[in-house]
Protein backbone atom coordinates (compact mmCIF):
# COMPACT_ATOMS: atom_id res chain seq x y z
CA MET A 1 -8.58 -14.07 -21.46
CA GLY A 2 -5.92 -11.61 -20.21
CA CYS A 3 -2.43 -11.12 -21.49
CA LEU A 4 0.26 -12.51 -19.18
CA THR A 5 2.92 -10.06 -18.06
CA VAL A 6 5.50 -10.06 -15.32
CA ALA A 7 4.53 -7.30 -12.93
CA SER A 8 6.97 -5.91 -10.37
CA TRP A 9 5.80 -3.89 -7.39
CA ARG A 10 7.01 -0.34 -6.93
CA CYS A 11 5.81 2.71 -5.08
CA VAL A 12 4.21 5.42 -7.18
CA LYS A 13 4.86 8.99 -6.13
CA GLN A 14 1.97 11.22 -5.20
CA CYS A 15 -0.44 8.39 -4.49
CA GLY A 16 -0.44 8.28 -0.69
CA ALA A 17 -3.15 5.62 -0.44
CA CYS A 18 -1.10 3.55 2.01
CA CYS A 19 -0.90 6.60 4.29
CA HIS A 20 -4.60 6.36 5.08
CA LEU A 21 -4.04 4.63 8.42
CA ASP A 22 -7.52 4.73 9.98
CA PRO A 23 -7.41 1.82 12.49
CA GLU A 24 -11.17 1.27 12.14
CA GLU A 25 -10.52 0.24 8.54
CA ARG A 26 -7.64 -2.04 9.60
CA PRO A 27 -9.02 -4.18 12.46
CA GLU A 28 -6.32 -6.83 12.01
CA LEU A 29 -3.41 -4.54 12.99
CA ALA A 30 -2.66 -6.37 16.25
CA GLU A 31 -2.35 -9.65 14.32
CA TYR A 32 0.78 -8.56 12.46
CA LEU A 33 2.24 -5.65 14.44
CA SER A 34 4.15 -6.08 17.69
CA PRO A 35 2.76 -4.12 20.65
CA GLU A 36 5.56 -1.54 20.17
CA ASP A 37 4.87 -1.20 16.44
CA LEU A 38 1.13 -0.97 17.07
CA ALA A 39 1.69 1.88 19.53
CA LEU A 40 3.92 3.66 16.98
CA TYR A 41 1.35 3.07 14.21
CA LEU A 42 -1.47 4.49 16.33
CA SER A 43 0.67 7.52 17.26
CA MET A 44 1.02 8.27 13.54
CA VAL A 45 -2.74 8.43 12.88
CA GLY A 46 -4.08 11.96 12.65
CA PRO A 47 -7.65 12.95 13.56
CA ASP A 48 -8.70 12.53 9.91
CA GLY A 49 -7.31 8.96 9.72
CA TRP A 50 -4.30 9.97 7.61
CA CYS A 51 -0.66 9.62 8.66
CA ILE A 52 0.58 12.75 10.37
CA HIS A 53 3.77 12.50 8.30
CA LEU A 54 1.98 12.76 4.95
CA ASP A 55 2.30 16.05 3.14
CA GLN A 56 -1.28 15.97 1.91
CA LEU A 57 -0.82 18.72 -0.65
CA ASN A 58 1.94 16.83 -2.49
CA ARG A 59 0.91 13.38 -1.23
CA GLU A 60 4.46 12.56 -0.17
CA CYS A 61 5.88 11.11 3.02
CA THR A 62 7.84 13.68 5.02
CA ILE A 63 9.84 10.94 6.82
CA TYR A 64 10.31 8.57 3.88
CA ASP A 65 13.98 7.78 4.53
CA ASP A 66 13.28 7.29 8.25
CA ARG A 67 9.81 5.72 8.01
CA PRO A 68 9.00 2.77 10.30
CA ARG A 69 9.75 -0.78 9.24
CA PHE A 70 6.04 -1.57 8.81
CA CYS A 71 5.85 1.14 6.14
CA ARG A 72 8.48 -0.60 4.00
CA VAL A 73 7.72 -3.08 1.23
CA LEU A 74 10.72 -5.36 1.65
CA PRO A 75 10.95 -9.16 1.43
CA ASP A 76 12.03 -9.66 5.05
CA VAL A 77 9.38 -7.29 6.41
CA PHE A 78 6.56 -8.96 4.50
CA GLU A 79 7.79 -12.43 5.37
CA GLU A 80 7.88 -11.54 9.07
CA MET A 81 4.58 -9.63 9.15
CA TYR A 82 2.43 -11.63 6.74
CA GLY A 83 4.28 -14.89 6.08
CA ILE A 84 4.80 -13.92 2.43
CA GLU A 85 7.71 -15.69 0.77
CA PRO A 86 10.09 -13.34 -1.10
CA GLU A 87 9.14 -14.80 -4.50
CA GLU A 88 5.47 -13.96 -3.77
CA LEU A 89 6.14 -10.37 -2.68
CA ASP A 90 5.47 -8.61 -5.99
CA GLU A 91 2.08 -10.25 -6.52
CA PHE A 92 1.00 -9.77 -2.89
CA ALA A 93 2.17 -6.15 -2.68
CA ILE A 94 0.54 -5.24 -5.99
CA GLU A 95 -2.77 -6.70 -4.85
CA CYS A 96 -2.53 -4.90 -1.48
CA CYS A 97 -1.82 -1.58 -3.19
CA GLN A 98 -4.63 -2.05 -5.67
CA GLN A 99 -7.08 -2.74 -2.84
CA GLN A 100 -5.91 0.29 -0.87
CA ILE A 101 -5.86 2.61 -3.89
CA GLU A 102 -9.39 1.47 -4.79
CA ALA A 103 -10.60 2.11 -1.24
CA VAL A 104 -9.00 5.56 -1.04
CA HIS A 105 -9.08 6.89 -4.61
CA GLY A 106 -11.38 4.56 -6.56
CA ASP A 107 -10.82 1.65 -8.93
CA ARG A 108 -10.77 3.84 -12.06
CA SER A 109 -8.82 6.72 -10.53
CA LEU A 110 -5.75 8.36 -12.01
CA GLU A 111 -3.78 6.90 -9.07
CA MET A 112 -4.90 3.37 -9.98
CA LEU A 113 -4.05 3.88 -13.64
CA ARG A 114 -0.63 5.29 -12.76
CA PHE A 115 0.07 2.44 -10.33
CA ASN A 116 -0.95 -0.30 -12.77
CA GLN A 117 1.17 1.27 -15.50
CA ALA A 118 4.19 1.62 -13.18
CA VAL A 119 4.09 -1.99 -11.99
CA GLY A 120 3.41 -3.43 -15.43
CA VAL A 121 -0.21 -4.55 -15.06
CA SER A 122 -1.84 -4.62 -18.48
CA LEU A 123 -5.32 -3.19 -18.96
CA LEU A 124 -6.21 -6.61 -20.37
CA GLU A 125 -5.55 -8.13 -16.93
CA LEU A 126 -7.95 -5.82 -15.11
CA PRO A 127 -11.52 -6.89 -14.37
CA PRO A 128 -14.12 -5.57 -16.83
CA LEU A 129 -16.31 -2.60 -15.97
CA ASP A 130 -19.63 -3.58 -14.42
């Protein structure tokens, strides 16, 4: 049985997992992006599937302050795009990030460990190793 903690979502610098935009790995894009946002999203995908605005060496967004709305983890954005109520945002965003970090970096990666520590997820709450 895991220890209960109150986890709060936050972005972790030098992760960049969310910047892996490959549309083939995100077939549901048209379900939650407007046609205009979908066109913008697709224009941001580089030939390698990564956002063209990601500084891959430092794994930092080069347009962070001016990034599109769909790149922002905010209550109103997530309510509009996914139907997530503001009080559910932390849990939903943490789970989304964990899934994306696992897919990009691995479930036992330094990025995953740093993210879980930053958001307040205890090691006791993680699934056991297989």
